[in-house]
Amino acid sequence: MHIRIARHTTSLQPVIDFYTQLLGCEILGDFKNHDNYDGVFIGIPGENWHLEFTISDEKPVHTPDEDDLLVFYGDNYHAYTELVKKARSLNIPEVEAKNPYWTKNGTTLLDPDGFRIVLTYKQR
């Protein structure tokens, strides 16, 4: 099974920059003027998931919620701390997690659309 998480945005390039520069994701594909939508697929080659972001003349009507999270697990604590350093060097907003688990075990950031992502690591 493969997973695609799709979201409409008003700021496609900042979203692309966020996920590629911070997380090292790559553009896996894109499309232009597909029924008035432009979009991009972002992920890590060879994995069974990717993110799709679209833009059109129609504005999204969603509001990020404090419990709407994308969680990214680094392979170890060192990889996690390097990602956090990178996020801080890119001036990505860091916010307090609503769920205390993520405050204790990760770092919560805002993407350009105001949605929350959590950086954490696989604990043994």
PDB file of N, CA and C in Angstrom:
ATOM      1  N   MET A   1       0.840  -1.170   0.000  1.00  0.00           N
ATOM      2  CA  MET A   1       0.000   0.000   0.000  1.00  0.00           C
ATOM      3  C   MET A   1       0.893   1.243   0.000  1.00  0.00           C
ATOM      4  N   HIS A   2       0.462   2.229  -0.746  1.00  0.00           N
ATOM      5  CA  HIS A   2       1.157   3.510  -0.791  1.00  0.00           C
ATOM      6  C   HIS A   2       0.240   4.576  -0.206  1.00  0.00           C
ATOM      7  N   ILE A   3       0.833   5.600   0.365  1.00  0.00           N
ATOM      8  CA  ILE A   3       0.056   6.676   0.970  1.00  0.00           C
ATOM      9  C   ILE A   3       0.422   7.997   0.307  1.00  0.00           C
ATOM     10  N   ARG A   4      -0.603   8.743  -0.057  1.00  0.00           N
ATOM     11  CA  ARG A   4      -0.420  10.115  -0.533  1.00  0.00           C
ATOM     12  C   ARG A   4      -1.261  11.008   0.367  1.00  0.00           C
ATOM     13  N   ILE A   5      -0.642  12.017   0.922  1.00  0.00           N
ATOM     14  CA  ILE A   5      -1.358  13.014   1.712  1.00  0.00           C
ATOM     15  C   ILE A   5      -1.417  14.264   0.848  1.00  0.00           C
ATOM     16  N   ALA A   6      -2.626  14.703   0.520  1.00  0.00           N
ATOM     17  CA  ALA A   6      -2.810  15.821  -0.400  1.00  0.00           C
ATOM     18  C   ALA A   6      -3.409  17.014   0.332  1.00  0.00           C
ATOM     19  N   ARG A   7      -2.916  18.195  -0.040  1.00  0.00           N
ATOM     20  CA  ARG A   7      -3.429  19.427   0.572  1.00  0.00           C
ATOM     21  C   ARG A   7      -3.340  20.566  -0.436  1.00  0.00           C
ATOM     22  N   HIS A   8      -4.362  21.371  -0.454  1.00  0.00           N
ATOM     23  CA  HIS A   8      -4.406  22.560  -1.297  1.00  0.00           C
ATOM     24  C   HIS A   8      -3.750  23.718  -0.544  1.00  0.00           C
ATOM     25  N   THR A   9      -3.090  24.595  -1.277  1.00  0.00           N
ATOM     26  CA  THR A   9      -2.361  25.694  -0.655  1.00  0.00           C
ATOM     27  C   THR A   9      -2.518  26.964  -1.489  1.00  0.00           C
ATOM     28  N   THR A  10      -2.153  28.081  -0.916  1.00  0.00           N
ATOM     29  CA  THR A  10      -2.075  29.329  -1.679  1.00  0.00           C
ATOM     30  C   THR A  10      -0.622  29.730  -1.896  1.00  0.00           C
ATOM     31  N   SER A  11       0.298  28.956  -1.354  1.00  0.00           N
ATOM     32  CA  SER A  11       1.720  29.327  -1.404  1.00  0.00           C
ATOM     33  C   SER A  11       2.569  28.113  -1.780  1.00  0.00           C
ATOM     34  N   LEU A  12       2.477  27.693  -3.029  1.00  0.00           N
ATOM     35  CA  LEU A  12       3.115  26.453  -3.461  1.00  0.00           C
ATOM     36  C   LEU A  12       4.640  26.478  -3.317  1.00  0.00           C
ATOM     37  N   GLN A  13       5.307  27.512  -3.790  1.00  0.00           N
ATOM     38  CA  GLN A  13       6.772  27.522  -3.728  1.00  0.00           C
ATOM     39  C   GLN A  13       7.308  27.529  -2.297  1.00  0.00           C
ATOM     40  N   PRO A  14       6.746  28.339  -1.383  1.00  0.00           N
ATOM     41  CA  PRO A  14       7.229  28.252  -0.001  1.00  0.00           C
ATOM     42  C   PRO A  14       7.035  26.865   0.627  1.00  0.00           C
ATOM     43  N   VAL A  15       5.939  26.188   0.278  1.00  0.00           N
ATOM     44  CA  VAL A  15       5.702  24.834   0.787  1.00  0.00           C
ATOM     45  C   VAL A  15       6.744  23.870   0.213  1.00  0.00           C
ATOM     46  N   ILE A  16       7.019  23.988  -1.083  1.00  0.00           N
ATOM     47  CA  ILE A  16       8.050  23.148  -1.706  1.00  0.00           C
ATOM     48  C   ILE A  16       9.385  23.382  -1.013  1.00  0.00           C
ATOM     49  N   ASP A  17       9.752  24.646  -0.841  1.00  0.00           N
ATOM     50  CA  ASP A  17      11.031  24.978  -0.191  1.00  0.00           C
ATOM     51  C   ASP A  17      11.102  24.410   1.220  1.00  0.00           C
ATOM     52  N   PHE A  18      10.023  24.532   1.958  1.00  0.00           N
ATOM     53  CA  PHE A  18       9.989  24.043   3.341  1.00  0.00           C
ATOM     54  C   PHE A  18      10.299  22.546   3.405  1.00  0.00           C
ATOM     55  N   TYR A  19       9.572  21.748   2.660  1.00  0.00           N
ATOM     56  CA  TYR A  19       9.722  20.293   2.759  1.00  0.00           C
ATOM     57  C   TYR A  19      11.002  19.773   2.107  1.00  0.00           C
ATOM     58  N   THR A  20      11.506  20.478   1.100  1.00  0.00           N
ATOM     59  CA  THR A  20      12.753  20.021   0.485  1.00  0.00           C
ATOM     60  C   THR A  20      13.970  20.508   1.258  1.00  0.00           C
ATOM     61  N   GLN A  21      13.985  21.768   1.661  1.00  0.00           N
ATOM     62  CA  GLN A  21      15.156  22.304   2.355  1.00  0.00           C
ATOM     63  C   GLN A  21      15.289  21.758   3.774  1.00  0.00           C
ATOM     64  N   LEU A  22      14.187  21.656   4.496  1.00  0.00           N
ATOM     65  CA  LEU A  22      14.265  21.180   5.877  1.00  0.00           C
ATOM     66  C   LEU A  22      14.423  19.664   5.944  1.00  0.00           C
ATOM     67  N   LEU A  23      13.547  18.949   5.270  1.00  0.00           N
ATOM     68  CA  LEU A  23      13.483  17.500   5.450  1.00  0.00           C
ATOM     69  C   LEU A  23      14.277  16.710   4.421  1.00  0.00           C
ATOM     70  N   GLY A  24      14.798  17.395   3.417  1.00  0.00           N
ATOM     71  CA  GLY A  24      15.554  16.683   2.390  1.00  0.00           C
ATOM     72  C   GLY A  24      14.678  15.895   1.439  1.00  0.00           C
ATOM     73  N   CYS A  25      13.381  16.198   1.427  1.00  0.00           N
ATOM     74  CA  CYS A  25      12.499  15.553   0.466  1.00  0.00           C
ATOM     75  C   CYS A  25      12.844  16.049  -0.929  1.00  0.00           C
ATOM     76  N   GLU A  26      12.395  15.305  -1.923  1.00  0.00           N
ATOM     77  CA  GLU A  26      12.640  15.672  -3.304  1.00  0.00           C
ATOM     78  C   GLU A  26      11.318  15.811  -4.037  1.00  0.00           C
ATOM     79  N   ILE A  27      11.345  16.568  -5.106  1.00  0.00           N
ATOM     80  CA  ILE A  27      10.174  16.642  -5.973  1.00  0.00           C
ATOM     81  C   ILE A  27      10.155  15.356  -6.797  1.00  0.00           C
ATOM     82  N   LEU A  28       9.113  14.575  -6.608  1.00  0.00           N
ATOM     83  CA  LEU A  28       8.982  13.292  -7.300  1.00  0.00           C
ATOM     84  C   LEU A  28       8.217  13.432  -8.607  1.00  0.00           C
ATOM     85  N   GLY A  29       7.502  14.517  -8.752  1.00  0.00           N
ATOM     86  CA  GLY A  29       6.725  14.770  -9.961  1.00  0.00           C
ATOM     87  C   GLY A  29       5.929  16.045  -9.784  1.00  0.00           C
ATOM     88  N   ASP A  30       5.383  16.526 -10.879  1.00  0.00           N
ATOM     89  CA  ASP A  30       4.538  17.711 -10.810  1.00  0.00           C
ATOM     90  C   ASP A  30       3.581  17.715 -11.982  1.00  0.00           C
ATOM     91  N   PHE A  31       2.638  18.625 -11.955  1.00  0.00           N
ATOM     92  CA  PHE A  31       1.706  18.772 -13.063  1.00  0.00           C
ATOM     93  C   PHE A  31       1.273  20.226 -13.143  1.00  0.00           C
ATOM     94  N   LYS A  32       0.923  20.636 -14.349  1.00  0.00           N
ATOM     95  CA  LYS A  32       0.499  22.013 -14.620  1.00  0.00           C
ATOM     96  C   LYS A  32      -0.845  21.999 -15.340  1.00  0.00           C
ATOM     97  N   ASN A  33      -1.704  22.916 -14.943  1.00  0.00           N
ATOM     98  CA  ASN A  33      -2.997  23.148 -15.578  1.00  0.00           C
ATOM     99  C   ASN A  33      -3.791  21.859 -15.796  1.00  0.00           C
ATOM    100  N   HIS A  34      -3.862  21.052 -14.780  1.00  0.00           N
ATOM    101  CA  HIS A  34      -4.695  19.848 -14.800  1.00  0.00           C
ATOM    102  C   HIS A  34      -6.055  20.247 -14.234  1.00  0.00           C
ATOM    103  N   ASP A  35      -6.988  20.545 -15.113  1.00  0.00           N
ATOM    104  CA  ASP A  35      -8.309  21.038 -14.707  1.00  0.00           C
ATOM    105  C   ASP A  35      -8.180  22.246 -13.773  1.00  0.00           C
ATOM    106  N   ASN A  36      -7.305  23.180 -14.137  1.00  0.00           N
ATOM    107  CA  ASN A  36      -7.054  24.429 -13.417  1.00  0.00           C
ATOM    108  C   ASN A  36      -6.217  24.228 -12.145  1.00  0.00           C
ATOM    109  N   TYR A  37      -5.618  23.082 -11.971  1.00  0.00           N
ATOM    110  CA  TYR A  37      -4.749  22.837 -10.815  1.00  0.00           C
ATOM    111  C   TYR A  37      -3.308  22.663 -11.277  1.00  0.00           C
ATOM    112  N   ASP A  38      -2.391  23.247 -10.511  1.00  0.00           N
ATOM    113  CA  ASP A  38      -0.972  22.937 -10.607  1.00  0.00           C
ATOM    114  C   ASP A  38      -0.625  22.200  -9.328  1.00  0.00           C
ATOM    115  N   GLY A  39       0.345  21.321  -9.400  1.00  0.00           N
ATOM    116  CA  GLY A  39       0.677  20.591  -8.185  1.00  0.00           C
ATOM    117  C   GLY A  39       2.047  19.953  -8.242  1.00  0.00           C
ATOM    118  N   VAL A  40       2.431  19.444  -7.101  1.00  0.00           N
ATOM    119  CA  VAL A  40       3.737  18.822  -6.958  1.00  0.00           C
ATOM    120  C   VAL A  40       3.616  17.641  -5.994  1.00  0.00           C
ATOM    121  N   PHE A  41       4.414  16.617  -6.263  1.00  0.00           N
ATOM    122  CA  PHE A  41       4.522  15.461  -5.372  1.00  0.00           C
ATOM    123  C   PHE A  41       5.897  15.540  -4.723  1.00  0.00           C
ATOM    124  N   ILE A  42       5.944  15.499  -3.414  1.00  0.00           N
ATOM    125  CA  ILE A  42       7.186  15.647  -2.659  1.00  0.00           C
ATOM    126  C   ILE A  42       7.342  14.436  -1.744  1.00  0.00           C
ATOM    127  N   GLY A  43       8.539  13.885  -1.703  1.00  0.00           N
ATOM    128  CA  GLY A  43       8.781  12.756  -0.817  1.00  0.00           C
ATOM    129  C   GLY A  43      10.227  12.326  -0.885  1.00  0.00           C
ATOM    130  N   ILE A  44      10.461  11.110  -0.480  1.00  0.00           N
ATOM    131  CA  ILE A  44      11.789  10.516  -0.518  1.00  0.00           C
ATOM    132  C   ILE A  44      11.724   9.341  -1.485  1.00  0.00           C
ATOM    133  N   PRO A  45      12.545   9.373  -2.537  1.00  0.00           N
ATOM    134  CA  PRO A  45      12.492   8.298  -3.534  1.00  0.00           C
ATOM    135  C   PRO A  45      12.588   6.911  -2.884  1.00  0.00           C
ATOM    136  N   GLY A  46      11.748   6.002  -3.367  1.00  0.00           N
ATOM    137  CA  GLY A  46      11.768   4.628  -2.882  1.00  0.00           C
ATOM    138  C   GLY A  46      10.890   4.372  -1.671  1.00  0.00           C
ATOM    139  N   GLU A  47      10.381   5.417  -1.039  1.00  0.00           N
ATOM    140  CA  GLU A  47       9.481   5.231   0.110  1.00  0.00           C
ATOM    141  C   GLU A  47       8.054   5.039  -0.409  1.00  0.00           C
ATOM    142  N   ASN A  48       7.167   4.552   0.447  1.00  0.00           N
ATOM    143  CA  ASN A  48       5.797   4.278   0.013  1.00  0.00           C
ATOM    144  C   ASN A  48       4.822   5.384   0.408  1.00  0.00           C
ATOM    145  N   TRP A  49       5.327   6.598   0.534  1.00  0.00           N
ATOM    146  CA  TRP A  49       4.478   7.736   0.858  1.00  0.00           C
ATOM    147  C   TRP A  49       4.995   8.963   0.114  1.00  0.00           C
ATOM    148  N   HIS A  50       4.118   9.912  -0.077  1.00  0.00           N
ATOM    149  CA  HIS A  50       4.532  11.234  -0.545  1.00  0.00           C
ATOM    150  C   HIS A  50       3.437  12.240  -0.234  1.00  0.00           C
ATOM    151  N   LEU A  51       3.821  13.486  -0.289  1.00  0.00           N
ATOM    152  CA  LEU A  51       2.909  14.594  -0.062  1.00  0.00           C
ATOM    153  C   LEU A  51       2.576  15.219  -1.412  1.00  0.00           C
ATOM    154  N   GLU A  52       1.332  15.592  -1.574  1.00  0.00           N
ATOM    155  CA  GLU A  52       0.914  16.310  -2.774  1.00  0.00           C
ATOM    156  C   GLU A  52       0.396  17.673  -2.351  1.00  0.00           C
ATOM    157  N   PHE A  53       0.892  18.709  -2.989  1.00  0.00           N
ATOM    158  CA  PHE A  53       0.404  20.059  -2.730  1.00  0.00           C
ATOM    159  C   PHE A  53      -0.105  20.624  -4.043  1.00  0.00           C
ATOM    160  N   THR A  54      -1.294  21.219  -3.999  1.00  0.00           N
ATOM    161  CA  THR A  54      -1.899  21.783  -5.196  1.00  0.00           C
ATOM    162  C   THR A  54      -2.223  23.256  -4.974  1.00  0.00           C
ATOM    163  N   ILE A  55      -2.348  23.953  -6.098  1.00  0.00           N
ATOM    164  CA  ILE A  55      -2.741  25.362  -6.086  1.00  0.00           C
ATOM    165  C   ILE A  55      -3.668  25.576  -7.273  1.00  0.00           C
ATOM    166  N   SER A  56      -4.647  26.463  -7.116  1.00  0.00           N
ATOM    167  CA  SER A  56      -5.568  26.797  -8.200  1.00  0.00           C
ATOM    168  C   SER A  56      -6.111  28.197  -7.927  1.00  0.00           C
ATOM    169  N   ASP A  57      -7.052  28.606  -8.764  1.00  0.00           N
ATOM    170  CA  ASP A  57      -7.689  29.908  -8.551  1.00  0.00           C
ATOM    171  C   ASP A  57      -8.552  29.903  -7.295  1.00  0.00           C
ATOM    172  N   GLU A  58      -8.978  28.726  -6.889  1.00  0.00           N
ATOM    173  CA  GLU A  58      -9.814  28.601  -5.707  1.00  0.00           C
ATOM    174  C   GLU A  58      -8.936  28.522  -4.456  1.00  0.00           C
ATOM    175  N   LYS A  59      -9.248  29.309  -3.467  1.00  0.00           N
ATOM    176  CA  LYS A  59      -8.470  29.333  -2.222  1.00  0.00           C
ATOM    177  C   LYS A  59      -8.920  28.206  -1.296  1.00  0.00           C
ATOM    178  N   PRO A  60      -7.987  27.634  -0.541  1.00  0.00           N
ATOM    179  CA  PRO A  60      -8.383  26.597   0.412  1.00  0.00           C
ATOM    180  C   PRO A  60      -9.268  27.180   1.508  1.00  0.00           C
ATOM    181  N   VAL A  61     -10.150  26.350   2.033  1.00  0.00           N
ATOM    182  CA  VAL A  61     -11.047  26.768   3.093  1.00  0.00           C
ATOM    183  C   VAL A  61     -10.806  25.892   4.320  1.00  0.00           C
ATOM    184  N   HIS A  62      -9.560  25.690   4.678  1.00  0.00           N
ATOM    185  CA  HIS A  62      -9.270  24.891   5.855  1.00  0.00           C
ATOM    186  C   HIS A  62      -8.487  25.730   6.860  1.00  0.00           C
ATOM    187  N   THR A  63      -8.601  25.325   8.092  1.00  0.00           N
ATOM    188  CA  THR A  63      -7.896  26.009   9.168  1.00  0.00           C
ATOM    189  C   THR A  63      -7.054  24.985   9.903  1.00  0.00           C
ATOM    190  N   PRO A  64      -5.756  25.204   9.985  1.00  0.00           N
ATOM    191  CA  PRO A  64      -4.916  24.258  10.726  1.00  0.00           C
ATOM    192  C   PRO A  64      -5.359  24.163  12.184  1.00  0.00           C
ATOM    193  N   ASP A  65      -5.409  22.969  12.691  1.00  0.00           N
ATOM    194  CA  ASP A  65      -5.787  22.702  14.076  1.00  0.00           C
ATOM    195  C   ASP A  65      -4.538  22.265  14.837  1.00  0.00           C
ATOM    196  N   GLU A  66      -4.475  22.544  16.115  1.00  0.00           N
ATOM    197  CA  GLU A  66      -3.294  22.199  16.913  1.00  0.00           C
ATOM    198  C   GLU A  66      -3.027  20.698  16.988  1.00  0.00           C
ATOM    199  N   ASP A  67      -4.030  19.890  16.715  1.00  0.00           N
ATOM    200  CA  ASP A  67      -3.844  18.443  16.742  1.00  0.00           C
ATOM    201  C   ASP A  67      -3.687  17.834  15.344  1.00  0.00           C
ATOM    202  N   ASP A  68      -3.685  18.651  14.303  1.00  0.00           N
ATOM    203  CA  ASP A  68      -3.403  18.166  12.947  1.00  0.00           C
ATOM    204  C   ASP A  68      -1.894  18.147  12.781  1.00  0.00           C
ATOM    205  N   LEU A  69      -1.317  16.970  12.750  1.00  0.00           N
ATOM    206  CA  LEU A  69       0.144  16.851  12.731  1.00  0.00           C
ATOM    207  C   LEU A  69       0.618  15.917  11.626  1.00  0.00           C
ATOM    208  N   LEU A  70       1.735  16.272  11.022  1.00  0.00           N
ATOM    209  CA  LEU A  70       2.520  15.330  10.235  1.00  0.00           C
ATOM    210  C   LEU A  70       3.745  15.059  11.083  1.00  0.00           C
ATOM    211  N   VAL A  71       4.018  13.813  11.382  1.00  0.00           N
ATOM    212  CA  VAL A  71       5.133  13.458  12.258  1.00  0.00           C
ATOM    213  C   VAL A  71       6.219  12.805  11.413  1.00  0.00           C
ATOM    214  N   PHE A  72       7.423  13.343  11.522  1.00  0.00           N
ATOM    215  CA  PHE A  72       8.579  12.826  10.794  1.00  0.00           C
ATOM    216  C   PHE A  72       9.575  12.267  11.798  1.00  0.00           C
ATOM    217  N   TYR A  73       9.886  10.986  11.653  1.00  0.00           N
ATOM    218  CA  TYR A  73      10.802  10.293  12.561  1.00  0.00           C
ATOM    219  C   TYR A  73      12.191  10.214  11.958  1.00  0.00           C
ATOM    220  N   GLY A  74      13.165  10.783  12.639  1.00  0.00           N
ATOM    221  CA  GLY A  74      14.556  10.580  12.261  1.00  0.00           C
ATOM    222  C   GLY A  74      14.984   9.182  12.685  1.00  0.00           C
ATOM    223  N   ASP A  75      16.050   8.676  12.091  1.00  0.00           N
ATOM    224  CA  ASP A  75      16.493   7.323  12.408  1.00  0.00           C
ATOM    225  C   ASP A  75      17.062   7.191  13.816  1.00  0.00           C
ATOM    226  N   ASN A  76      17.534   8.308  14.372  1.00  0.00           N
ATOM    227  CA  ASN A  76      18.114   8.265  15.714  1.00  0.00           C
ATOM    228  C   ASN A  76      18.106   9.676  16.308  1.00  0.00           C
ATOM    229  N   TYR A  77      18.536   9.769  17.541  1.00  0.00           N
ATOM    230  CA  TYR A  77      18.510  11.049  18.236  1.00  0.00           C
ATOM    231  C   TYR A  77      19.410  12.074  17.552  1.00  0.00           C
ATOM    232  N   HIS A  78      20.562  11.655  17.079  1.00  0.00           N
ATOM    233  CA  HIS A  78      21.484  12.579  16.410  1.00  0.00           C
ATOM    234  C   HIS A  78      20.834  13.174  15.153  1.00  0.00           C
ATOM    235  N   ALA A  79      20.196  12.343  14.343  1.00  0.00           N
ATOM    236  CA  ALA A  79      19.522  12.823  13.133  1.00  0.00           C
ATOM    237  C   ALA A  79      18.428  13.822  13.507  1.00  0.00           C
ATOM    238  N   TYR A  80      17.698  13.522  14.571  1.00  0.00           N
ATOM    239  CA  TYR A  80      16.653  14.429  15.056  1.00  0.00           C
ATOM    240  C   TYR A  80      17.244  15.776  15.461  1.00  0.00           C
ATOM    241  N   THR A  81      18.302  15.776  16.259  1.00  0.00           N
ATOM    242  CA  THR A  81      18.873  17.048  16.712  1.00  0.00           C
ATOM    243  C   THR A  81      19.440  17.849  15.541  1.00  0.00           C
ATOM    244  N   GLU A  82      19.964  17.181  14.525  1.00  0.00           N
ATOM    245  CA  GLU A  82      20.454  17.893  13.338  1.00  0.00           C
ATOM    246  C   GLU A  82      19.299  18.560  12.587  1.00  0.00           C
ATOM    247  N   LEU A  83      18.161  17.882  12.503  1.00  0.00           N
ATOM    248  CA  LEU A  83      16.993  18.483  11.854  1.00  0.00           C
ATOM    249  C   LEU A  83      16.502  19.704  12.623  1.00  0.00           C
ATOM    250  N   VAL A  84      16.491  19.605  13.936  1.00  0.00           N
ATOM    251  CA  VAL A  84      16.057  20.744  14.758  1.00  0.00           C
ATOM    252  C   VAL A  84      17.008  21.926  14.552  1.00  0.00           C
ATOM    253  N   LYS A  85      18.305  21.666  14.541  1.00  0.00           N
ATOM    254  CA  LYS A  85      19.278  22.741  14.279  1.00  0.00           C
ATOM    255  C   LYS A  85      19.031  23.379  12.918  1.00  0.00           C
ATOM    256  N   LYS A  86      18.783  22.543  11.927  1.00  0.00           N
ATOM    257  CA  LYS A  86      18.540  23.038  10.577  1.00  0.00           C
ATOM    258  C   LYS A  86      17.278  23.909  10.546  1.00  0.00           C
ATOM    259  N   ALA A  87      16.213  23.455  11.210  1.00  0.00           N
ATOM    260  CA  ALA A  87      14.964  24.227  11.265  1.00  0.00           C
ATOM    261  C   ALA A  87      15.206  25.597  11.900  1.00  0.00           C
ATOM    262  N   ARG A  88      15.969  25.606  12.963  1.00  0.00           N
ATOM    263  CA  ARG A  88      16.259  26.886  13.634  1.00  0.00           C
ATOM    264  C   ARG A  88      17.103  27.792  12.749  1.00  0.00           C
ATOM    265  N   SER A  89      18.045  27.220  11.996  1.00  0.00           N
ATOM    266  CA  SER A  89      18.875  28.037  11.102  1.00  0.00           C
ATOM    267  C   SER A  89      18.054  28.604   9.942  1.00  0.00           C
ATOM    268  N   LEU A  90      16.963  27.923   9.580  1.00  0.00           N
ATOM    269  CA  LEU A  90      16.070  28.400   8.521  1.00  0.00           C
ATOM    270  C   LEU A  90      14.968  29.311   9.071  1.00  0.00           C
ATOM    271  N   ASN A  91      15.024  29.594  10.380  1.00  0.00           N
ATOM    272  CA  ASN A  91      14.031  30.457  11.060  1.00  0.00           C
ATOM    273  C   ASN A  91      12.601  29.948  10.918  1.00  0.00           C
ATOM    274  N   ILE A  92      12.434  28.643  10.974  1.00  0.00           N
ATOM    275  CA  ILE A  92      11.109  28.043  10.909  1.00  0.00           C
ATOM    276  C   ILE A  92      10.463  28.173  12.288  1.00  0.00           C
ATOM    277  N   PRO A  93       9.237  28.707  12.335  1.00  0.00           N
ATOM    278  CA  PRO A  93       8.584  28.903  13.629  1.00  0.00           C
ATOM    279  C   PRO A  93       8.399  27.592  14.399  1.00  0.00           C
ATOM    280  N   GLU A  94       8.806  27.625  15.653  1.00  0.00           N
ATOM    281  CA  GLU A  94       8.650  26.496  16.567  1.00  0.00           C
ATOM    282  C   GLU A  94       7.516  26.851  17.523  1.00  0.00           C
ATOM    283  N   VAL A  95       6.610  25.909  17.757  1.00  0.00           N
ATOM    284  CA  VAL A  95       5.466  26.155  18.624  1.00  0.00           C
ATOM    285  C   VAL A  95       5.357  25.058  19.679  1.00  0.00           C
ATOM    286  N   GLU A  96       4.653  25.368  20.735  1.00  0.00           N
ATOM    287  CA  GLU A  96       4.387  24.389  21.785  1.00  0.00           C
ATOM    288  C   GLU A  96       3.359  23.386  21.264  1.00  0.00           C
ATOM    289  N   ALA A  97       3.610  22.118  21.470  1.00  0.00           N
ATOM    290  CA  ALA A  97       2.657  21.088  21.051  1.00  0.00           C
ATOM    291  C   ALA A  97       1.464  21.077  21.998  1.00  0.00           C
ATOM    292  N   LYS A  98       0.293  20.864  21.461  1.00  0.00           N
ATOM    293  CA  LYS A  98      -0.894  20.738  22.311  1.00  0.00           C
ATOM    294  C   LYS A  98      -0.819  19.446  23.123  1.00  0.00           C
ATOM    295  N   ASN A  99      -0.400  18.376  22.468  1.00  0.00           N
ATOM    296  CA  ASN A  99      -0.254  17.084  23.138  1.00  0.00           C
ATOM    297  C   ASN A  99       1.109  17.066  23.841  1.00  0.00           C
ATOM    298  N   PRO A 100       1.143  16.943  25.160  1.00  0.00           N
ATOM    299  CA  PRO A 100       2.410  16.990  25.895  1.00  0.00           C
ATOM    300  C   PRO A 100       3.420  15.921  25.470  1.00  0.00           C
ATOM    301  N   TYR A 101       2.944  14.823  24.886  1.00  0.00           N
ATOM    302  CA  TYR A 101       3.866  13.776  24.433  1.00  0.00           C
ATOM    303  C   TYR A 101       4.878  14.355  23.451  1.00  0.00           C
ATOM    304  N   TRP A 102       4.383  15.190  22.511  1.00  0.00           N
ATOM    305  CA  TRP A 102       5.275  15.733  21.483  1.00  0.00           C
ATOM    306  C   TRP A 102       6.219  16.787  22.046  1.00  0.00           C
ATOM    307  N   THR A 103       5.817  17.449  23.106  1.00  0.00           N
ATOM    308  CA  THR A 103       6.732  18.398  23.753  1.00  0.00           C
ATOM    309  C   THR A 103       7.894  17.643  24.394  1.00  0.00           C
ATOM    310  N   LYS A 104       7.580  16.497  25.000  1.00  0.00           N
ATOM    311  CA  LYS A 104       8.624  15.697  25.657  1.00  0.00           C
ATOM    312  C   LYS A 104       9.494  14.937  24.660  1.00  0.00           C
ATOM    313  N   ASN A 105       8.920  14.570  23.518  1.00  0.00           N
ATOM    314  CA  ASN A 105       9.603  13.652  22.603  1.00  0.00           C
ATOM    315  C   ASN A 105       9.856  14.199  21.207  1.00  0.00           C
ATOM    316  N   GLY A 106       9.738  15.498  21.036  1.00  0.00           N
ATOM    317  CA  GLY A 106       9.944  16.044  19.708  1.00  0.00           C
ATOM    318  C   GLY A 106       9.926  17.558  19.696  1.00  0.00           C
ATOM    319  N   THR A 107       9.922  18.086  18.508  1.00  0.00           N
ATOM    320  CA  THR A 107       9.873  19.525  18.283  1.00  0.00           C
ATOM    321  C   THR A 107       8.776  19.792  17.262  1.00  0.00           C
ATOM    322  N   THR A 108       7.888  20.722  17.579  1.00  0.00           N
ATOM    323  CA  THR A 108       6.762  21.030  16.711  1.00  0.00           C
ATOM    324  C   THR A 108       7.036  22.337  15.978  1.00  0.00           C
ATOM    325  N   LEU A 109       6.860  22.296  14.647  1.00  0.00           N
ATOM    326  CA  LEU A 109       7.132  23.442  13.787  1.00  0.00           C
ATOM    327  C   LEU A 109       5.894  23.781  12.970  1.00  0.00           C
ATOM    328  N   LEU A 110       5.873  24.997  12.423  1.00  0.00           N
ATOM    329  CA  LEU A 110       4.800  25.400  11.516  1.00  0.00           C
ATOM    330  C   LEU A 110       5.314  25.431  10.087  1.00  0.00           C
ATOM    331  N   ASP A 111       4.556  24.809   9.178  1.00  0.00           N
ATOM    332  CA  ASP A 111       4.925  24.928   7.770  1.00  0.00           C
ATOM    333  C   ASP A 111       4.376  26.253   7.239  1.00  0.00           C
ATOM    334  N   PRO A 112       4.656  26.629   5.996  1.00  0.00           N
ATOM    335  CA  PRO A 112       4.228  27.929   5.490  1.00  0.00           C
ATOM    336  C   PRO A 112       2.716  28.177   5.513  1.00  0.00           C
ATOM    337  N   ASP A 113       1.925  27.112   5.528  1.00  0.00           N
ATOM    338  CA  ASP A 113       0.470  27.257   5.601  1.00  0.00           C
ATOM    339  C   ASP A 113      -0.040  27.291   7.040  1.00  0.00           C
ATOM    340  N   GLY A 114       0.855  27.158   8.006  1.00  0.00           N
ATOM    341  CA  GLY A 114       0.446  27.166   9.406  1.00  0.00           C
ATOM    342  C   GLY A 114       0.093  25.797   9.953  1.00  0.00           C
ATOM    343  N   PHE A 115       0.310  24.742   9.160  1.00  0.00           N
ATOM    344  CA  PHE A 115       0.078  23.392   9.660  1.00  0.00           C
ATOM    345  C   PHE A 115       1.300  22.944  10.458  1.00  0.00           C
ATOM    346  N   ARG A 116       1.049  22.102  11.429  1.00  0.00           N
ATOM    347  CA  ARG A 116       2.112  21.654  12.332  1.00  0.00           C
ATOM    348  C   ARG A 116       2.759  20.368  11.835  1.00  0.00           C
ATOM    349  N   ILE A 117       4.079  20.349  11.938  1.00  0.00           N
ATOM    350  CA  ILE A 117       4.808  19.108  11.737  1.00  0.00           C
ATOM    351  C   ILE A 117       5.611  18.865  13.004  1.00  0.00           C
ATOM    352  N   VAL A 118       5.833  17.623  13.309  1.00  0.00           N
ATOM    353  CA  VAL A 118       6.629  17.244  14.466  1.00  0.00           C
ATOM    354  C   VAL A 118       7.870  16.518  13.981  1.00  0.00           C
ATOM    355  N   LEU A 119       9.010  16.939  14.480  1.00  0.00           N
ATOM    356  CA  LEU A 119      10.265  16.216  14.266  1.00  0.00           C
ATOM    357  C   LEU A 119      10.512  15.414  15.521  1.00  0.00           C
ATOM    358  N   THR A 120      10.816  14.145  15.355  1.00  0.00           N
ATOM    359  CA  THR A 120      11.129  13.284  16.482  1.00  0.00           C
ATOM    360  C   THR A 120      12.076  12.200  15.982  1.00  0.00           C
ATOM    361  N   TYR A 121      12.266  11.162  16.772  1.00  0.00           N
ATOM    362  CA  TYR A 121      13.189  10.096  16.381  1.00  0.00           C
ATOM    363  C   TYR A 121      12.666   8.768  16.882  1.00  0.00           C
ATOM    364  N   LYS A 122      13.135   7.715  16.233  1.00  0.00           N
ATOM    365  CA  LYS A 122      12.731   6.368  16.637  1.00  0.00           C
ATOM    366  C   LYS A 122      13.405   6.036  17.939  1.00  0.00           C
ATOM    367  N   GLN A 123      12.600   5.821  18.962  1.00  0.00           N
ATOM    368  CA  GLN A 123      13.140   5.472  20.269  1.00  0.00           C
ATOM    369  C   GLN A 123      13.164   3.960  20.407  1.00  0.00           C
ATOM    370  N   ARG A 124      14.213   3.477  21.005  1.00  0.00           N
ATOM    371  CA  ARG A 124      14.341   2.015  21.155  1.00  0.00           C
ATOM    372  C   ARG A 124      13.860   1.565  22.499  1.00  0.00           C
TER     373      ARG A 124
END
